[in-house]
Amino acid sequence: GLVQAGGSLRLSCAASGRTFRLYDMGWFRQAP
């Protein structure tokens, strides 16, 4: 979402399937 400088956000990522617990997970970002 949109937030002012100094603010906070919490992102979530929901995965399907039964093997989620077996894998490392990462967050990446891409600016224009």
PDB file of all heavy atoms in Angstrom:
ATOM      1  N   GLY A   1       0.813  -1.207   0.000  1.00  0.00           N
ATOM      2  CA  GLY A   1       0.000   0.000   0.000  1.00  0.00           C
ATOM      3  C   GLY A   1       0.843   1.251   0.000  1.00  0.00           C
ATOM      4  O   GLY A   1       2.050   1.204  -0.242  1.00  0.00           O
ATOM      5  N   LEU A   2       0.186   2.366   0.261  1.00  0.00           N
ATOM      6  CA  LEU A   2       0.836   3.676   0.317  1.00  0.00           C
ATOM      7  C   LEU A   2       1.022   4.061   1.775  1.00  0.00           C
ATOM      8  O   LEU A   2       0.069   4.018   2.562  1.00  0.00           O
ATOM      9  CB  LEU A   2      -0.019   4.708  -0.407  1.00  0.00           C
ATOM     10  CG  LEU A   2       0.431   6.164  -0.325  1.00  0.00           C
ATOM     11  CD1 LEU A   2       1.782   6.336  -1.006  1.00  0.00           C
ATOM     12  CD2 LEU A   2      -0.620   7.073  -0.964  1.00  0.00           C
ATOM     13  N   VAL A   3       2.231   4.459   2.121  1.00  0.00           N
ATOM     14  CA  VAL A   3       2.528   4.838   3.498  1.00  0.00           C
ATOM     15  C   VAL A   3       3.487   6.018   3.499  1.00  0.00           C
ATOM     16  O   VAL A   3       4.276   6.177   2.563  1.00  0.00           O
ATOM     17  CB  VAL A   3       3.115   3.633   4.276  1.00  0.00           C
ATOM     18  CG1 VAL A   3       4.447   3.191   3.683  1.00  0.00           C
ATOM     19  CG2 VAL A   3       3.237   3.918   5.758  1.00  0.00           C
ATOM     20  N   GLN A   4       3.416   6.836   4.507  1.00  0.00           N
ATOM     21  CA  GLN A   4       4.337   7.968   4.627  1.00  0.00           C
ATOM     22  C   GLN A   4       5.686   7.500   5.161  1.00  0.00           C
ATOM     23  O   GLN A   4       5.783   6.484   5.856  1.00  0.00           O
ATOM     24  CB  GLN A   4       3.757   9.024   5.552  1.00  0.00           C
ATOM     25  CG  GLN A   4       2.586   9.796   4.961  1.00  0.00           C
ATOM     26  CD  GLN A   4       2.164  10.967   5.832  1.00  0.00           C
ATOM     27  OE1 GLN A   4       2.346  10.931   7.048  1.00  0.00           O
ATOM     28  NE2 GLN A   4       1.603  11.990   5.211  1.00  0.00           N
ATOM     29  N   ALA A   5       6.704   8.243   4.844  1.00  0.00           N
ATOM     30  CA  ALA A   5       8.034   7.942   5.357  1.00  0.00           C
ATOM     31  C   ALA A   5       7.998   7.857   6.885  1.00  0.00           C
ATOM     32  O   ALA A   5       7.337   8.660   7.543  1.00  0.00           O
ATOM     33  CB  ALA A   5       9.025   9.019   4.920  1.00  0.00           C
ATOM     34  N   GLY A   6       8.677   6.841   7.404  1.00  0.00           N
ATOM     35  CA  GLY A   6       8.670   6.596   8.833  1.00  0.00           C
ATOM     36  C   GLY A   6       7.613   5.607   9.281  1.00  0.00           C
ATOM     37  O   GLY A   6       7.629   5.157  10.430  1.00  0.00           O
ATOM     38  N   GLY A   7       6.699   5.284   8.371  1.00  0.00           N
ATOM     39  CA  GLY A   7       5.613   4.374   8.701  1.00  0.00           C
ATOM     40  C   GLY A   7       6.001   2.910   8.586  1.00  0.00           C
ATOM     41  O   GLY A   7       7.161   2.574   8.315  1.00  0.00           O
ATOM     42  N   SER A   8       4.998   2.053   8.773  1.00  0.00           N
ATOM     43  CA  SER A   8       5.218   0.606   8.775  1.00  0.00           C
ATOM     44  C   SER A   8       4.179  -0.090   7.915  1.00  0.00           C
ATOM     45  O   SER A   8       3.057   0.395   7.747  1.00  0.00           O
ATOM     46  CB  SER A   8       5.128   0.056  10.204  1.00  0.00           C
ATOM     47  OG  SER A   8       6.119   0.601  11.046  1.00  0.00           O
ATOM     48  N   LEU A   9       4.577  -1.236   7.399  1.00  0.00           N
ATOM     49  CA  LEU A   9       3.673  -2.135   6.692  1.00  0.00           C
ATOM     50  C   LEU A   9       4.077  -3.561   7.033  1.00  0.00           C
ATOM     51  O   LEU A   9       5.255  -3.840   7.297  1.00  0.00           O
ATOM     52  CB  LEU A   9       3.743  -1.945   5.176  1.00  0.00           C
ATOM     53  CG  LEU A   9       3.043  -0.737   4.550  1.00  0.00           C
ATOM     54  CD1 LEU A   9       3.382  -0.659   3.063  1.00  0.00           C
ATOM     55  CD2 LEU A   9       1.551  -0.793   4.760  1.00  0.00           C
ATOM     56  N   ARG A  10       3.095  -4.456   6.962  1.00  0.00           N
ATOM     57  CA  ARG A  10       3.373  -5.874   7.124  1.00  0.00           C
ATOM     58  C   ARG A  10       2.870  -6.618   5.892  1.00  0.00           C
ATOM     59  O   ARG A  10       1.683  -6.613   5.605  1.00  0.00           O
ATOM     60  CB  ARG A  10       2.689  -6.431   8.369  1.00  0.00           C
ATOM     61  CG  ARG A  10       3.111  -7.862   8.696  1.00  0.00           C
ATOM     62  CD  ARG A  10       2.197  -8.471   9.734  1.00  0.00           C
ATOM     63  NE  ARG A  10       2.759  -9.690  10.330  1.00  0.00           N
ATOM     64  CZ  ARG A  10       2.025 -10.639  10.915  1.00  0.00           C
ATOM     65  NH1 ARG A  10       0.719 -10.498  10.997  1.00  0.00           N
ATOM     66  NH2 ARG A  10       2.620 -11.695  11.437  1.00  0.00           N
ATOM     67  N   LEU A  11       3.809  -7.232   5.190  1.00  0.00           N
ATOM     68  CA  LEU A  11       3.459  -8.023   4.024  1.00  0.00           C
ATOM     69  C   LEU A  11       3.279  -9.479   4.422  1.00  0.00           C
ATOM     70  O   LEU A  11       3.959  -9.986   5.314  1.00  0.00           O
ATOM     71  CB  LEU A  11       4.553  -7.927   2.958  1.00  0.00           C
ATOM     72  CG  LEU A  11       4.940  -6.523   2.500  1.00  0.00           C
ATOM     73  CD1 LEU A  11       5.978  -6.622   1.380  1.00  0.00           C
ATOM     74  CD2 LEU A  11       3.743  -5.721   2.070  1.00  0.00           C
ATOM     75  N   SER A  12       2.357 -10.145   3.735  1.00  0.00           N
ATOM     76  CA  SER A  12       2.133 -11.576   3.928  1.00  0.00           C
ATOM     77  C   SER A  12       2.240 -12.283   2.591  1.00  0.00           C
ATOM     78  O   SER A  12       1.945 -11.701   1.538  1.00  0.00           O
ATOM     79  CB  SER A  12       0.746 -11.835   4.518  1.00  0.00           C
ATOM     80  OG  SER A  12       0.595 -11.223   5.771  1.00  0.00           O
ATOM     81  N   CYS A  13       2.640 -13.524   2.639  1.00  0.00           N
ATOM     82  CA  CYS A  13       2.712 -14.351   1.439  1.00  0.00           C
ATOM     83  C   CYS A  13       2.170 -15.727   1.806  1.00  0.00           C
ATOM     84  O   CYS A  13       2.788 -16.446   2.610  1.00  0.00           O
ATOM     85  CB  CYS A  13       4.139 -14.448   0.939  1.00  0.00           C
ATOM     86  SG  CYS A  13       4.377 -15.633  -0.407  1.00  0.00           S
ATOM     87  N   ALA A  14       1.034 -16.074   1.215  1.00  0.00           N
ATOM     88  CA  ALA A  14       0.401 -17.363   1.479  1.00  0.00           C
ATOM     89  C   ALA A  14       0.765 -18.345   0.381  1.00  0.00           C
ATOM     90  O   ALA A  14       0.676 -18.022  -0.806  1.00  0.00           O
ATOM     91  CB  ALA A  14      -1.103 -17.193   1.559  1.00  0.00           C
ATOM     92  N   ALA A  15       1.161 -19.533   0.793  1.00  0.00           N
ATOM     93  CA  ALA A  15       1.592 -20.559  -0.156  1.00  0.00           C
ATOM     94  C   ALA A  15       0.603 -21.716  -0.192  1.00  0.00           C
ATOM     95  O   ALA A  15       0.009 -22.075   0.827  1.00  0.00           O
ATOM     96  CB  ALA A  15       2.973 -21.069   0.221  1.00  0.00           C
ATOM     97  N   SER A  16       0.459 -22.283  -1.359  1.00  0.00           N
ATOM     98  CA  SER A  16      -0.377 -23.477  -1.496  1.00  0.00           C
ATOM     99  C   SER A  16       0.452 -24.725  -1.262  1.00  0.00           C
ATOM    100  O   SER A  16       1.687 -24.666  -1.230  1.00  0.00           O
ATOM    101  CB  SER A  16      -0.998 -23.515  -2.894  1.00  0.00           C
ATOM    102  OG  SER A  16       0.029 -23.657  -3.862  1.00  0.00           O
ATOM    103  N   GLY A  17      -0.219 -25.856  -1.110  1.00  0.00           N
ATOM    104  CA  GLY A  17       0.469 -27.133  -1.036  1.00  0.00           C
ATOM    105  C   GLY A  17       0.920 -27.518   0.352  1.00  0.00           C
ATOM    106  O   GLY A  17       0.724 -26.792   1.322  1.00  0.00           O
ATOM    107  N   ARG A  18       1.536 -28.702   0.405  1.00  0.00           N
ATOM    108  CA  ARG A  18       1.917 -29.285   1.695  1.00  0.00           C
ATOM    109  C   ARG A  18       3.410 -29.260   1.977  1.00  0.00           C
ATOM    110  O   ARG A  18       3.857 -29.775   2.995  1.00  0.00           O
ATOM    111  CB  ARG A  18       1.439 -30.737   1.735  1.00  0.00           C
ATOM    112  CG  ARG A  18      -0.069 -30.892   1.608  1.00  0.00           C
ATOM    113  CD  ARG A  18      -0.479 -32.351   1.662  1.00  0.00           C
ATOM    114  NE  ARG A  18      -1.935 -32.520   1.568  1.00  0.00           N
ATOM    115  CZ  ARG A  18      -2.551 -33.689   1.617  1.00  0.00           C
ATOM    116  NH1 ARG A  18      -1.838 -34.796   1.767  1.00  0.00           N
ATOM    117  NH2 ARG A  18      -3.859 -33.757   1.525  1.00  0.00           N
ATOM    118  N   THR A  19       4.178 -28.660   1.073  1.00  0.00           N
ATOM    119  CA  THR A  19       5.635 -28.710   1.228  1.00  0.00           C
ATOM    120  C   THR A  19       6.248 -27.379   1.652  1.00  0.00           C
ATOM    121  O   THR A  19       7.465 -27.234   1.674  1.00  0.00           O
ATOM    122  CB  THR A  19       6.292 -29.162  -0.091  1.00  0.00           C
ATOM    123  OG1 THR A  19       5.954 -28.227  -1.121  1.00  0.00           O
ATOM    124  CG2 THR A  19       5.829 -30.555  -0.476  1.00  0.00           C
ATOM    125  N   PHE A  20       5.402 -26.417   1.988  1.00  0.00           N
ATOM    126  CA  PHE A  20       5.897 -25.077   2.357  1.00  0.00           C
ATOM    127  C   PHE A  20       6.972 -25.179   3.438  1.00  0.00           C
ATOM    128  O   PHE A  20       8.003 -24.508   3.375  1.00  0.00           O
ATOM    129  CB  PHE A  20       4.725 -24.225   2.834  1.00  0.00           C
ATOM    130  CG  PHE A  20       5.112 -22.892   3.397  1.00  0.00           C
ATOM    131  CD1 PHE A  20       5.394 -21.827   2.550  1.00  0.00           C
ATOM    132  CD2 PHE A  20       5.200 -22.678   4.767  1.00  0.00           C
ATOM    133  CE1 PHE A  20       5.752 -20.586   3.049  1.00  0.00           C
ATOM    134  CE2 PHE A  20       5.560 -21.451   5.282  1.00  0.00           C
ATOM    135  CZ  PHE A  20       5.833 -20.397   4.425  1.00  0.00           C
ATOM    136  N   ARG A  21       6.749 -25.998   4.436  1.00  0.00           N
ATOM    137  CA  ARG A  21       7.633 -26.083   5.596  1.00  0.00           C
ATOM    138  C   ARG A  21       9.021 -26.606   5.247  1.00  0.00           C
ATOM    139  O   ARG A  21       9.931 -26.553   6.076  1.00  0.00           O
ATOM    140  CB  ARG A  21       6.990 -26.984   6.654  1.00  0.00           C
ATOM    141  CG  ARG A  21       6.765 -28.407   6.168  1.00  0.00           C
ATOM    142  CD  ARG A  21       6.059 -29.269   7.226  1.00  0.00           C
ATOM    143  NE  ARG A  21       5.786 -30.608   6.717  1.00  0.00           N
ATOM    144  CZ  ARG A  21       6.681 -31.584   6.727  1.00  0.00           C
ATOM    145  NH1 ARG A  21       7.891 -31.372   7.219  1.00  0.00           N
ATOM    146  NH2 ARG A  21       6.366 -32.765   6.245  1.00  0.00           N
ATOM    147  N   LEU A  22       9.207 -27.127   4.045  1.00  0.00           N
ATOM    148  CA  LEU A  22      10.482 -27.728   3.666  1.00  0.00           C
ATOM    149  C   LEU A  22      11.431 -26.766   2.959  1.00  0.00           C
ATOM    150  O   LEU A  22      12.596 -27.101   2.724  1.00  0.00           O
ATOM    151  CB  LEU A  22      10.242 -28.927   2.753  1.00  0.00           C
ATOM    152  CG  LEU A  22       9.405 -30.072   3.333  1.00  0.00           C
ATOM    153  CD1 LEU A  22       9.238 -31.168   2.281  1.00  0.00           C
ATOM    154  CD2 LEU A  22      10.034 -30.626   4.594  1.00  0.00           C
ATOM    155  N   TYR A  23      10.939 -25.572   2.611  1.00  0.00           N
ATOM    156  CA  TYR A  23      11.718 -24.675   1.761  1.00  0.00           C
ATOM    157  C   TYR A  23      12.034 -23.345   2.425  1.00  0.00           C
ATOM    158  O   TYR A  23      11.172 -22.756   3.092  1.00  0.00           O
ATOM    159  CB  TYR A  23      10.947 -24.384   0.463  1.00  0.00           C
ATOM    160  CG  TYR A  23      10.870 -25.555  -0.483  1.00  0.00           C
ATOM    161  CD1 TYR A  23       9.887 -26.530  -0.324  1.00  0.00           C
ATOM    162  CD2 TYR A  23      11.773 -25.691  -1.526  1.00  0.00           C
ATOM    163  CE1 TYR A  23       9.811 -27.607  -1.186  1.00  0.00           C
ATOM    164  CE2 TYR A  23      11.704 -26.763  -2.393  1.00  0.00           C
ATOM    165  CZ  TYR A  23      10.724 -27.717  -2.221  1.00  0.00           C
ATOM    166  OH  TYR A  23      10.653 -28.782  -3.082  1.00  0.00           O
ATOM    167  N   ASP A  24      13.264 -22.880   2.198  1.00  0.00           N
ATOM    168  CA  ASP A  24      13.591 -21.493   2.523  1.00  0.00           C
ATOM    169  C   ASP A  24      12.686 -20.579   1.689  1.00  0.00           C
ATOM    170  O   ASP A  24      12.337 -20.903   0.551  1.00  0.00           O
ATOM    171  CB  ASP A  24      15.039 -21.179   2.167  1.00  0.00           C
ATOM    172  CG  ASP A  24      16.041 -21.967   2.994  1.00  0.00           C
ATOM    173  OD1 ASP A  24      15.632 -22.814   3.810  1.00  0.00           O
ATOM    174  OD2 ASP A  24      17.246 -21.702   2.823  1.00  0.00           O
ATOM    175  N   MET A  25      12.362 -19.432   2.271  1.00  0.00           N
ATOM    176  CA  MET A  25      11.539 -18.447   1.570  1.00  0.00           C
ATOM    177  C   MET A  25      12.255 -17.097   1.564  1.00  0.00           C
ATOM    178  O   MET A  25      12.968 -16.750   2.507  1.00  0.00           O
ATOM    179  CB  MET A  25      10.184 -18.290   2.251  1.00  0.00           C
ATOM    180  CG  MET A  25       9.324 -19.543   2.246  1.00  0.00           C
ATOM    181  SD  MET A  25       8.803 -20.029   0.593  1.00  0.00           S
ATOM    182  CE  MET A  25       7.737 -18.651   0.150  1.00  0.00           C
ATOM    183  N   GLY A  26      12.026 -16.340   0.510  1.00  0.00           N
ATOM    184  CA  GLY A  26      12.681 -15.045   0.395  1.00  0.00           C
ATOM    185  C   GLY A  26      11.717 -13.953  -0.029  1.00  0.00           C
ATOM    186  O   GLY A  26      10.649 -14.217  -0.590  1.00  0.00           O
ATOM    187  N   TRP A  27      12.108 -12.736   0.281  1.00  0.00           N
ATOM    188  CA  TRP A  27      11.419 -11.536  -0.206  1.00  0.00           C
ATOM    189  C   TRP A  27      12.406 -10.745  -1.069  1.00  0.00           C
ATOM    190  O   TRP A  27      13.570 -10.548  -0.679  1.00  0.00           O
ATOM    191  CB  TRP A  27      10.945 -10.652   0.941  1.00  0.00           C
ATOM    192  CG  TRP A  27       9.715 -11.141   1.658  1.00  0.00           C
ATOM    193  CD1 TRP A  27       9.681 -11.855   2.816  1.00  0.00           C
ATOM    194  CD2 TRP A  27       8.355 -10.938   1.268  1.00  0.00           C
ATOM    195  NE1 TRP A  27       8.377 -12.112   3.174  1.00  0.00           N
ATOM    196  CE2 TRP A  27       7.544 -11.553   2.242  1.00  0.00           C
ATOM    197  CE3 TRP A  27       7.732 -10.296   0.198  1.00  0.00           C
ATOM    198  CZ2 TRP A  27       6.152 -11.557   2.178  1.00  0.00           C
ATOM    199  CZ3 TRP A  27       6.351 -10.293   0.137  1.00  0.00           C
ATOM    200  CH2 TRP A  27       5.570 -10.921   1.109  1.00  0.00           C
ATOM    201  N   PHE A  28      11.930 -10.311  -2.211  1.00  0.00           N
ATOM    202  CA  PHE A  28      12.697  -9.467  -3.116  1.00  0.00           C
ATOM    203  C   PHE A  28      11.848  -8.237  -3.445  1.00  0.00           C
ATOM    204  O   PHE A  28      10.640  -8.231  -3.217  1.00  0.00           O
ATOM    205  CB  PHE A  28      13.019 -10.227  -4.408  1.00  0.00           C
ATOM    206  CG  PHE A  28      14.079 -11.286  -4.245  1.00  0.00           C
ATOM    207  CD1 PHE A  28      13.790 -12.476  -3.570  1.00  0.00           C
ATOM    208  CD2 PHE A  28      15.349 -11.119  -4.762  1.00  0.00           C
ATOM    209  CE1 PHE A  28      14.760 -13.456  -3.409  1.00  0.00           C
ATOM    210  CE2 PHE A  28      16.327 -12.091  -4.610  1.00  0.00           C
ATOM    211  CZ  PHE A  28      16.027 -13.253  -3.935  1.00  0.00           C
ATOM    212  N   ARG A  29      12.488  -7.230  -4.000  1.00  0.00           N
ATOM    213  CA  ARG A  29      11.732  -6.058  -4.445  1.00  0.00           C
ATOM    214  C   ARG A  29      12.326  -5.535  -5.739  1.00  0.00           C
ATOM    215  O   ARG A  29      13.497  -5.761  -6.038  1.00  0.00           O
ATOM    216  CB  ARG A  29      11.734  -4.958  -3.381  1.00  0.00           C
ATOM    217  CG  ARG A  29      13.099  -4.331  -3.101  1.00  0.00           C
ATOM    218  CD  ARG A  29      13.014  -3.400  -1.914  1.00  0.00           C
ATOM    219  NE  ARG A  29      14.300  -2.771  -1.624  1.00  0.00           N
ATOM    220  CZ  ARG A  29      14.543  -2.044  -0.539  1.00  0.00           C
ATOM    221  NH1 ARG A  29      13.589  -1.856   0.370  1.00  0.00           N
ATOM    222  NH2 ARG A  29      15.735  -1.506  -0.356  1.00  0.00           N
ATOM    223  N   GLN A  30      11.487  -4.830  -6.475  1.00  0.00           N
ATOM    224  CA  GLN A  30      11.936  -4.256  -7.741  1.00  0.00           C
ATOM    225  C   GLN A  30      11.337  -2.873  -7.914  1.00  0.00           C
ATOM    226  O   GLN A  30      10.103  -2.717  -7.920  1.00  0.00           O
ATOM    227  CB  GLN A  30      11.511  -5.158  -8.902  1.00  0.00           C
ATOM    228  CG  GLN A  30      12.094  -4.759 -10.236  1.00  0.00           C
ATOM    229  CD  GLN A  30      11.942  -5.861 -11.268  1.00  0.00           C
ATOM    230  OE1 GLN A  30      11.139  -6.769 -11.130  1.00  0.00           O
ATOM    231  NE2 GLN A  30      12.743  -5.786 -12.325  1.00  0.00           N
ATOM    232  N   ALA A  31      12.217  -1.899  -8.019  1.00  0.00           N
ATOM    233  CA  ALA A  31      11.810  -0.519  -8.273  1.00  0.00           C
ATOM    234  C   ALA A  31      11.785  -0.296  -9.775  1.00  0.00           C
ATOM    235  O   ALA A  31      12.459  -0.993 -10.531  1.00  0.00           O
ATOM    236  CB  ALA A  31      12.779   0.442  -7.594  1.00  0.00           C
ATOM    237  N   PRO A  32      11.018   0.702 -10.230  1.00  0.00           N
ATOM    238  CA  PRO A  32      10.943   0.981 -11.665  1.00  0.00           C
ATOM    239  C   PRO A  32      12.318   1.226 -12.260  1.00  0.00           C
ATOM    240  O   PRO A  32      13.112   2.008 -11.725  1.00  0.00           O
ATOM    241  CB  PRO A  32      10.080   2.241 -11.732  1.00  0.00           C
ATOM    242  CG  PRO A  32       9.243   2.182 -10.511  1.00  0.00           C
ATOM    243  CD  PRO A  32      10.110   1.566  -9.453  1.00  0.00           C
TER     244      PRO A  32
END
